[in-house]
Amino acid sequence: MPQLDTTPWFTVIMSMLITLFILFQTNTSKFITPLDPINKNPKSTTKTNPWDTKWTKIYLPHSLHQH
């Protein structure tokens, strides 16, 4: 029974890895990266909630006085 020749395996695996790396690099280079979030104005992103302007008190059952 003949032996399996494994001498070209290193070359095949390395060329496959290099090819995959190049393909992934070209695919990811097509994406547009967003701007740096530090440059954004934080005041423009804040939203006012209705409960921010009101004073509310939460009554817990343990804080109620027992008679």
N, C-alpha and C. Protein backbone atom coordinates (compact mmCIF):
# COMPACT_ATOMS: atom_id res chain seq x y z
N MET A 1 0.85 -1.17 0.00
CA MET A 1 0.00 0.00 0.00
C MET A 1 0.90 1.25 0.00
N PRO A 2 0.61 2.21 -0.89
CA PRO A 2 1.51 3.38 -1.01
C PRO A 2 1.31 4.36 0.15
N GLN A 3 2.37 5.05 0.47
CA GLN A 3 2.33 6.06 1.52
C GLN A 3 1.81 7.37 0.96
N LEU A 4 1.18 8.15 1.85
CA LEU A 4 0.67 9.45 1.45
C LEU A 4 1.81 10.46 1.49
N ASP A 5 2.01 11.14 0.39
CA ASP A 5 3.09 12.12 0.32
C ASP A 5 2.59 13.45 0.90
N THR A 6 3.17 13.87 2.01
CA THR A 6 2.72 15.09 2.69
C THR A 6 3.67 16.26 2.49
N THR A 7 4.61 16.15 1.61
CA THR A 7 5.56 17.25 1.43
C THR A 7 4.93 18.52 0.87
N PRO A 8 3.95 18.49 -0.02
CA PRO A 8 3.39 19.76 -0.53
C PRO A 8 2.34 20.38 0.39
N TRP A 9 2.02 19.74 1.49
CA TRP A 9 0.95 20.25 2.34
C TRP A 9 1.27 21.62 2.92
N PHE A 10 2.48 21.84 3.34
CA PHE A 10 2.83 23.13 3.92
C PHE A 10 2.64 24.25 2.90
N THR A 11 3.06 24.01 1.69
CA THR A 11 2.92 25.03 0.64
C THR A 11 1.45 25.29 0.32
N VAL A 12 0.67 24.24 0.27
CA VAL A 12 -0.76 24.39 -0.05
C VAL A 12 -1.46 25.15 1.08
N ILE A 13 -1.19 24.79 2.31
CA ILE A 13 -1.85 25.44 3.44
C ILE A 13 -1.42 26.91 3.54
N MET A 14 -0.16 27.19 3.36
CA MET A 14 0.31 28.58 3.45
C MET A 14 -0.25 29.44 2.32
N SER A 15 -0.31 28.89 1.13
CA SER A 15 -0.88 29.67 0.02
C SER A 15 -2.37 29.89 0.23
N MET A 16 -3.06 28.91 0.80
CA MET A 16 -4.48 29.09 1.09
C MET A 16 -4.68 30.18 2.13
N LEU A 17 -3.86 30.20 3.17
CA LEU A 17 -4.00 31.22 4.21
C LEU A 17 -3.71 32.62 3.67
N ILE A 18 -2.71 32.72 2.85
CA ILE A 18 -2.37 34.02 2.26
C ILE A 18 -3.50 34.50 1.35
N THR A 19 -4.05 33.59 0.57
CA THR A 19 -5.15 33.94 -0.32
C THR A 19 -6.37 34.39 0.49
N LEU A 20 -6.69 33.66 1.54
CA LEU A 20 -7.83 34.06 2.38
C LEU A 20 -7.59 35.42 3.04
N PHE A 21 -6.38 35.65 3.48
CA PHE A 21 -6.07 36.93 4.10
C PHE A 21 -6.26 38.08 3.09
N ILE A 22 -5.78 37.89 1.89
CA ILE A 22 -5.92 38.93 0.86
C ILE A 22 -7.38 39.15 0.51
N LEU A 23 -8.13 38.07 0.40
CA LEU A 23 -9.56 38.22 0.08
C LEU A 23 -10.31 38.96 1.18
N PHE A 24 -10.04 38.62 2.43
CA PHE A 24 -10.72 39.32 3.52
C PHE A 24 -10.29 40.78 3.61
N GLN A 25 -9.05 41.06 3.32
CA GLN A 25 -8.59 42.45 3.35
C GLN A 25 -9.25 43.28 2.25
N THR A 26 -9.39 42.72 1.09
CA THR A 26 -10.04 43.48 0.01
C THR A 26 -11.52 43.65 0.26
N ASN A 27 -12.15 42.65 0.89
CA ASN A 27 -13.58 42.79 1.19
C ASN A 27 -13.83 43.80 2.29
N THR A 28 -13.00 43.79 3.31
CA THR A 28 -13.23 44.75 4.39
C THR A 28 -12.77 46.15 4.04
N SER A 29 -11.92 46.31 3.08
CA SER A 29 -11.50 47.66 2.69
C SER A 29 -12.59 48.40 1.93
N LYS A 30 -13.60 47.70 1.45
CA LYS A 30 -14.70 48.34 0.73
C LYS A 30 -15.68 49.03 1.67
N PHE A 31 -15.66 48.70 2.96
CA PHE A 31 -16.59 49.29 3.90
C PHE A 31 -16.14 50.70 4.27
N ILE A 32 -17.12 51.55 4.47
CA ILE A 32 -16.84 52.92 4.91
C ILE A 32 -16.89 52.94 6.43
N THR A 33 -15.82 53.38 7.02
CA THR A 33 -15.78 53.42 8.48
C THR A 33 -16.49 54.69 8.96
N PRO A 34 -17.22 54.61 10.06
CA PRO A 34 -17.90 55.81 10.58
C PRO A 34 -16.89 56.80 11.16
N LEU A 35 -17.36 57.99 11.34
CA LEU A 35 -16.52 59.04 11.91
C LEU A 35 -16.22 58.74 13.37
N ASP A 36 -15.20 59.39 13.85
CA ASP A 36 -14.80 59.21 15.23
C ASP A 36 -15.90 59.71 16.16
N PRO A 37 -16.40 58.91 17.10
CA PRO A 37 -17.52 59.35 17.94
C PRO A 37 -17.15 60.48 18.90
N ILE A 38 -15.88 60.73 19.14
CA ILE A 38 -15.48 61.81 20.02
C ILE A 38 -15.80 63.17 19.38
N ASN A 39 -15.78 63.23 18.07
CA ASN A 39 -16.03 64.49 17.37
C ASN A 39 -17.51 64.88 17.37
N LYS A 40 -18.39 63.97 17.73
CA LYS A 40 -19.82 64.28 17.72
C LYS A 40 -20.17 65.17 18.91
N ASN A 41 -21.18 65.97 18.70
CA ASN A 41 -21.66 66.84 19.76
C ASN A 41 -22.60 66.04 20.66
N PRO A 42 -22.29 65.87 21.95
CA PRO A 42 -23.14 65.04 22.80
C PRO A 42 -24.48 65.69 23.13
N LYS A 43 -24.55 67.02 23.02
CA LYS A 43 -25.81 67.69 23.34
C LYS A 43 -26.86 67.45 22.27
N SER A 44 -26.44 67.20 21.06
CA SER A 44 -27.41 66.98 19.99
C SER A 44 -28.03 65.59 20.07
N THR A 45 -27.40 64.68 20.77
CA THR A 45 -27.92 63.32 20.85
C THR A 45 -28.80 63.10 22.07
N THR A 46 -28.84 64.05 23.01
CA THR A 46 -29.66 63.85 24.20
C THR A 46 -31.12 64.13 23.87
N LYS A 47 -31.98 63.29 24.44
CA LYS A 47 -33.41 63.45 24.25
C LYS A 47 -34.03 63.74 25.61
N THR A 48 -35.04 64.56 25.61
CA THR A 48 -35.71 64.85 26.88
C THR A 48 -36.85 63.86 27.07
N ASN A 49 -36.88 63.28 28.22
CA ASN A 49 -37.94 62.35 28.57
C ASN A 49 -38.97 63.08 29.42
N PRO A 50 -40.22 62.65 29.37
CA PRO A 50 -41.24 63.36 30.16
C PRO A 50 -40.98 63.26 31.65
N TRP A 51 -40.37 62.18 32.12
CA TRP A 51 -40.15 62.03 33.55
C TRP A 51 -38.93 62.81 34.03
N ASP A 52 -38.14 63.36 33.12
CA ASP A 52 -37.01 64.17 33.55
C ASP A 52 -37.45 65.52 34.12
N THR A 53 -38.55 66.04 33.64
CA THR A 53 -38.99 67.35 34.10
C THR A 53 -39.88 67.27 35.32
N LYS A 54 -40.40 66.10 35.64
CA LYS A 54 -41.30 65.96 36.78
C LYS A 54 -40.55 65.40 37.98
N TRP A 55 -41.08 65.75 39.15
CA TRP A 55 -40.56 65.14 40.37
C TRP A 55 -41.50 64.01 40.74
N THR A 56 -40.96 62.83 40.86
CA THR A 56 -41.79 61.68 41.22
C THR A 56 -41.23 61.04 42.48
N LYS A 57 -42.15 60.51 43.26
CA LYS A 57 -41.74 59.82 44.47
C LYS A 57 -42.29 58.40 44.39
N ILE A 58 -41.41 57.45 44.67
CA ILE A 58 -41.81 56.05 44.61
C ILE A 58 -42.04 55.59 46.04
N TYR A 59 -43.22 55.07 46.29
CA TYR A 59 -43.55 54.56 47.61
C TYR A 59 -43.33 53.06 47.61
N LEU A 60 -42.38 52.63 48.40
CA LEU A 60 -42.15 51.21 48.54
C LEU A 60 -43.04 50.66 49.65
N PRO A 61 -43.40 49.41 49.58
CA PRO A 61 -44.27 48.86 50.63
C PRO A 61 -43.64 48.93 52.01
N HIS A 62 -42.34 48.83 52.13
CA HIS A 62 -41.68 48.86 53.43
C HIS A 62 -41.59 50.29 53.98
N SER A 63 -41.71 51.27 53.14
CA SER A 63 -41.60 52.63 53.63
C SER A 63 -42.94 53.19 54.13
N LEU A 64 -44.04 52.47 53.85
CA LEU A 64 -45.33 52.93 54.33
C LEU A 64 -45.46 52.65 55.84
N HIS A 65 -46.14 53.56 56.52
CA HIS A 65 -46.30 53.41 57.96
C HIS A 65 -47.38 52.40 58.25
N GLN A 66 -47.10 51.50 59.14
CA GLN A 66 -48.08 50.51 59.54
C GLN A 66 -48.89 51.04 60.75
N HIS A 67 -50.20 50.89 60.72
CA HIS A 67 -51.04 51.35 61.84
C HIS A 67 -51.49 50.19 62.67
